């Protein structure tokens, strides 16, 4: 039986006071993510995809509906419980790398493990392993301002993965990269998904990035209105995504 990593049922998010400037960012969203899945979320600005990501990241809460990650009902956790859950179960890759300039690449990657009080031996083993996987071993002693944007984003990905999260969340992770570095990062994410069964949920507006996913959920006006699965090659999937974007006038 396939393990469910994410289960969302009838999710709704309303901002603003009742009857005063209310905005329904999410109206009724339901879907599931299996272990080892690679799901893309696409939609125009204001569609609700960022709100959905923030709720998944435990940075925001739903108005109605339920969300479960690795079997844990997030509504049952208090602030401290959410912080602990976030640090142990989730990994994040952002468009802007969010590396600490005064720490080396090694220290940046090791930070989540240090906060969990892991031993220095265990930290070194895990950092070196993920750095090798992402091809950044030779820059571990460098500082963020001494390496390229692509290397910084790989370091950010390593930091997100070093504690072996159950779910990796990506928020436009290739947005600040040139095409070569973007493709390199996406290939690394694809390899992690296929070889290490890392479950990934990627928010993007970019059809090329989305083509690396196994399926795409399209959100518009707070609703999930279409889902497509990759059945052929990545190039064929890319063309299918472009067709959907054009069909619903979602291209930004």
Protein backbone atom coordinates (compact mmCIF):
# COMPACT_ATOMS: atom_id res chain seq x y z
CA UNK A 1 0.00 0.00 0.00
CA UNK A 2 1.39 3.39 -1.03
CA UNK A 3 2.11 5.75 1.87
CA UNK A 4 0.26 9.07 1.75
CA UNK A 5 2.57 11.98 2.54
CA UNK A 6 -0.02 14.75 2.07
CA UNK A 7 -3.80 14.55 2.37
CA UNK A 8 -5.77 17.78 1.87
CA UNK A 9 -9.56 17.82 2.09
CA UNK A 10 -11.85 20.76 1.28
CA UNK A 11 -9.23 23.33 2.16
CA UNK A 12 -10.45 26.93 2.41
CA UNK A 13 -8.57 30.09 3.33
CA UNK A 14 -10.22 33.47 3.90
CA UNK A 15 -8.31 36.65 4.63
CA UNK A 16 -9.84 39.75 6.18
CA UNK A 17 -12.69 40.32 8.63
CA UNK A 18 -16.10 38.76 8.09
CA UNK A 19 -18.27 40.93 5.84
CA UNK A 20 -15.41 43.44 5.58
CA UNK A 21 -12.98 43.15 2.68
CA UNK A 22 -13.03 39.36 2.80
CA UNK A 23 -10.84 37.60 0.27
CA UNK A 24 -11.18 33.85 -0.29
CA UNK A 25 -7.71 32.77 -1.41
CA UNK A 26 -8.61 29.08 -1.41
CA UNK A 27 -12.22 28.01 -1.95
CA UNK A 28 -12.31 24.20 -1.87
CA UNK A 29 -9.07 22.34 -2.60
CA UNK A 30 -8.61 18.59 -2.12
CA UNK A 31 -5.75 16.32 -3.26
CA UNK A 32 -3.26 13.73 -2.08
CA UNK A 33 0.48 13.26 -2.54
CA UNK A 34 2.00 9.78 -2.34
CA UNK A 35 5.47 8.98 -1.07
CA UNK A 36 7.96 9.42 -3.90
CA UNK A 37 5.68 11.68 -5.92
CA UNK A 38 6.91 14.87 -7.64
CA UNK A 39 3.98 17.27 -7.89
CA UNK A 40 3.93 20.69 -9.49
CA UNK A 41 1.44 23.41 -8.56
CA UNK A 42 0.78 26.04 -11.21
CA UNK A 43 -1.53 29.00 -11.54
CA UNK A 44 -1.60 32.72 -12.29
CA UNK A 45 -0.80 35.40 -9.74
CA UNK A 46 -3.56 35.50 -7.14
CA UNK A 47 -4.70 31.94 -7.89
CA UNK A 48 -3.97 30.69 -4.37
CA UNK A 49 -0.86 28.61 -5.03
CA UNK A 50 1.36 30.61 -2.64
CA UNK A 51 -1.32 30.47 0.06
CA UNK A 52 -1.50 26.71 -0.41
CA UNK A 53 2.28 26.40 -0.12
CA UNK A 54 2.31 28.50 3.07
CA UNK A 55 -0.34 26.27 4.64
CA UNK A 56 1.60 23.15 3.64
CA UNK A 57 4.72 24.71 5.14
CA UNK A 58 2.83 25.29 8.42
CA UNK A 59 3.49 29.02 8.05
CA UNK A 60 -0.23 29.74 7.73
CA UNK A 61 -3.41 27.98 8.83
CA UNK A 62 -6.55 27.07 6.91
CA UNK A 63 -9.93 28.65 7.64
CA UNK A 64 -11.75 25.39 6.94
CA UNK A 65 -10.87 21.89 5.81
CA UNK A 66 -8.15 19.52 6.91
CA UNK A 67 -4.49 18.97 6.08
CA UNK A 68 -2.47 15.95 7.10
CA UNK A 69 1.25 15.44 6.44
CA UNK A 70 2.77 12.01 7.13
CA UNK A 71 -0.42 11.14 8.99
CA UNK A 72 -0.21 14.14 11.34
CA UNK A 73 -3.28 16.39 11.43
CA UNK A 74 -1.69 19.85 11.52
CA UNK A 75 -4.71 21.35 13.32
CA UNK A 76 -3.81 19.24 16.37
CA UNK A 77 -0.41 20.90 16.83
CA UNK A 78 0.25 24.05 18.87
CA UNK A 79 2.89 26.64 17.94
CA UNK A 80 5.76 24.68 19.46
CA UNK A 81 4.49 21.45 17.94
CA UNK A 82 4.30 23.05 14.50
CA UNK A 83 7.84 24.41 14.80
CA UNK A 84 9.16 20.97 15.75
CA UNK A 85 7.17 19.28 12.99
CA UNK A 86 8.46 21.81 10.45
CA UNK A 87 12.09 21.29 11.46
CA UNK A 88 11.89 17.49 11.37
CA UNK A 89 9.47 16.64 8.58
CA UNK A 90 9.75 19.45 6.02
CA UNK A 91 12.47 20.86 3.78
CA UNK A 92 12.29 24.17 1.91
CA UNK A 93 13.96 25.55 -1.22
CA UNK A 94 13.15 29.19 -1.95
CA UNK A 95 13.70 31.37 -5.00
CA UNK A 96 16.15 33.47 -3.00
CA UNK A 97 18.65 31.14 -1.46
CA UNK A 98 18.40 32.45 2.13
CA UNK A 99 21.91 31.30 2.98
CA UNK A 100 23.65 33.01 5.90
CA UNK A 101 26.58 35.04 4.54
CA UNK A 102 28.67 34.73 7.70
CA UNK A 103 28.57 30.93 7.64
CA UNK A 104 30.47 28.65 5.25
CA UNK A 105 28.53 26.45 2.84
CA UNK A 106 29.25 23.51 5.16
CA UNK A 107 27.91 25.42 8.18
CA UNK A 108 24.81 26.53 6.27
CA UNK A 109 23.99 22.96 5.28
CA UNK A 110 24.71 21.68 8.79
CA UNK A 111 22.49 24.25 10.49
CA UNK A 112 19.26 22.15 10.66
CA UNK A 113 21.22 19.27 12.22
CA UNK A 114 22.96 21.57 14.70
CA UNK A 115 19.59 22.90 15.82
CA UNK A 116 18.52 19.29 16.47
CA UNK A 117 21.66 18.74 18.58
CA UNK A 118 23.10 16.00 16.39
CA UNK A 119 26.70 14.97 17.08
CA UNK A 120 29.48 16.56 15.05
CA UNK A 121 30.38 13.15 13.61
CA UNK A 122 26.81 12.52 12.44
CA UNK A 123 26.57 16.05 11.03
CA UNK A 124 29.77 15.68 9.01
CA UNK A 125 28.65 12.34 7.59
CA UNK A 126 25.26 13.66 6.52
CA UNK A 127 26.58 16.96 5.13
CA UNK A 128 29.27 15.26 3.08
CA UNK A 129 26.78 12.72 1.76
CA UNK A 130 24.22 15.26 0.54
CA UNK A 131 26.98 17.54 -0.79
CA UNK A 132 28.31 14.64 -2.88
CA UNK A 133 24.82 13.88 -4.17
CA UNK A 134 24.35 17.50 -5.28
CA UNK A 135 27.90 17.91 -6.59
CA UNK A 136 29.06 20.67 -4.24
CA UNK A 137 31.71 18.88 -2.15
CA UNK A 138 34.51 21.14 -3.34
CA UNK A 139 32.81 24.35 -2.17
CA UNK A 140 31.94 23.26 1.39
CA UNK A 141 34.64 25.50 2.91
CA UNK A 142 33.66 28.51 0.80
CA UNK A 143 31.24 31.26 1.78
CA UNK A 144 28.06 32.10 -0.15
CA UNK A 145 29.52 35.24 -1.72
CA UNK A 146 32.43 33.20 -3.07
CA UNK A 147 30.36 30.79 -5.18
CA UNK A 148 27.96 31.08 -8.11
CA UNK A 149 24.20 31.46 -7.89
CA UNK A 150 23.72 27.90 -9.07
CA UNK A 151 26.09 26.61 -6.38
CA UNK A 152 24.30 28.68 -3.75
CA UNK A 153 20.96 27.17 -4.78
CA UNK A 154 22.43 23.65 -4.62
CA UNK A 155 23.70 24.48 -1.13
CA UNK A 156 20.21 25.66 -0.19
CA UNK A 157 18.81 22.39 -1.56
CA UNK A 158 21.38 20.44 0.47
CA UNK A 159 20.36 22.32 3.61
CA UNK A 160 16.72 21.49 2.90
CA UNK A 161 17.50 17.79 2.46
CA UNK A 162 20.26 17.10 4.99
CA UNK A 163 17.82 16.10 7.76
CA UNK A 164 16.01 13.75 5.36
CA UNK A 165 12.57 15.42 5.43
CA UNK A 166 9.44 13.55 4.46
CA UNK A 167 8.38 16.37 2.14
CA UNK A 168 10.47 18.87 0.16
CA UNK A 169 8.66 22.11 -0.70
CA UNK A 170 10.00 24.28 -3.50
CA UNK A 171 8.86 27.88 -4.00
CA UNK A 172 10.02 28.96 -7.49
CA UNK A 173 13.50 27.50 -6.72
CA UNK A 174 14.85 28.22 -10.21
CA UNK A 175 13.47 31.76 -10.38
CA UNK A 176 16.80 33.46 -9.63
CA UNK A 177 18.93 31.15 -11.79
CA UNK A 178 20.03 31.30 -15.42
CA UNK A 179 18.81 28.54 -17.71
CA UNK A 180 21.92 26.36 -17.34
CA UNK A 181 21.92 26.43 -13.54
CA UNK A 182 18.13 26.04 -13.43
CA UNK A 183 18.31 22.89 -15.53
CA UNK A 184 21.16 21.55 -13.38
CA UNK A 185 19.14 22.03 -10.19
CA UNK A 186 16.04 20.45 -11.74
CA UNK A 187 18.06 17.43 -12.88
CA UNK A 188 19.35 17.07 -9.30
CA UNK A 189 15.81 17.27 -7.90
CA UNK A 190 14.64 14.70 -10.47
CA UNK A 191 17.46 12.33 -9.45
CA UNK A 192 16.67 12.76 -5.74
CA UNK A 193 13.02 12.01 -6.44
CA UNK A 194 13.64 8.95 -8.60
CA UNK A 195 16.66 7.45 -6.81
CA UNK A 196 16.11 8.45 -3.17
CA UNK A 197 12.29 8.64 -3.37
CA UNK A 198 12.29 12.17 -2.00
CA UNK A 199 8.70 13.47 -2.16
CA UNK A 200 8.63 16.92 -3.76
CA UNK A 201 5.93 19.56 -4.11
CA UNK A 202 7.00 22.40 -6.40
CA UNK A 203 5.20 25.73 -6.86
CA UNK A 204 6.18 27.29 -10.17
CA UNK A 205 4.88 29.44 -13.00
CA UNK A 206 7.52 28.08 -15.37
CA UNK A 207 6.47 25.29 -17.74
CA UNK A 208 10.05 24.07 -18.20
CA UNK A 209 10.48 23.57 -14.45
CA UNK A 210 7.05 21.96 -14.21
CA UNK A 211 7.97 19.47 -16.94
CA UNK A 212 10.30 17.72 -14.46
CA UNK A 213 7.32 16.83 -12.26
CA UNK A 214 5.30 13.62 -12.49
CA UNK A 215 1.99 15.45 -12.35
CA UNK A 216 0.73 19.03 -12.30
CA UNK A 217 -2.14 20.53 -10.31
CA UNK A 218 -3.48 23.73 -11.87
CA UNK A 219 -5.11 26.21 -9.50
CA UNK A 220 -7.24 29.16 -10.60
CA UNK A 221 -9.35 31.47 -8.45
CA UNK A 222 -8.76 29.33 -5.37
CA UNK A 223 -9.92 26.10 -6.99
CA UNK A 224 -8.14 23.05 -8.38
CA UNK A 225 -9.50 23.02 -11.93
CA UNK A 226 -7.24 20.58 -13.79
CA UNK A 227 -4.67 17.85 -13.19
CA UNK A 228 -2.38 16.26 -15.76
CA UNK A 229 -0.05 13.28 -15.43
CA UNK A 230 3.23 12.73 -17.23
CA UNK A 231 2.84 9.56 -19.28
CA UNK A 232 5.42 10.12 -22.02
CA UNK A 233 8.72 11.97 -22.26
CA UNK A 234 9.51 15.17 -20.39
CA UNK A 235 9.49 17.05 -23.71
CA UNK A 236 5.96 15.80 -24.47
CA UNK A 237 4.86 16.78 -20.96
CA UNK A 238 6.32 20.25 -21.46
CA UNK A 239 4.20 20.74 -24.58
CA UNK A 240 1.11 19.49 -22.74
CA UNK A 241 1.71 21.97 -19.90
CA UNK A 242 2.09 24.83 -22.38
CA UNK A 243 -1.17 23.79 -24.00
CA UNK A 244 -3.02 23.93 -20.67
CA UNK A 245 -1.48 27.31 -19.81
CA UNK A 246 -2.60 28.69 -23.15
CA UNK A 247 -6.04 27.13 -22.84
CA UNK A 248 -6.74 28.80 -19.52
CA UNK A 249 -4.78 31.99 -20.27
CA UNK A 250 -2.56 31.32 -17.27
CA UNK A 251 0.80 32.19 -18.80
CA UNK A 252 2.37 35.05 -16.85
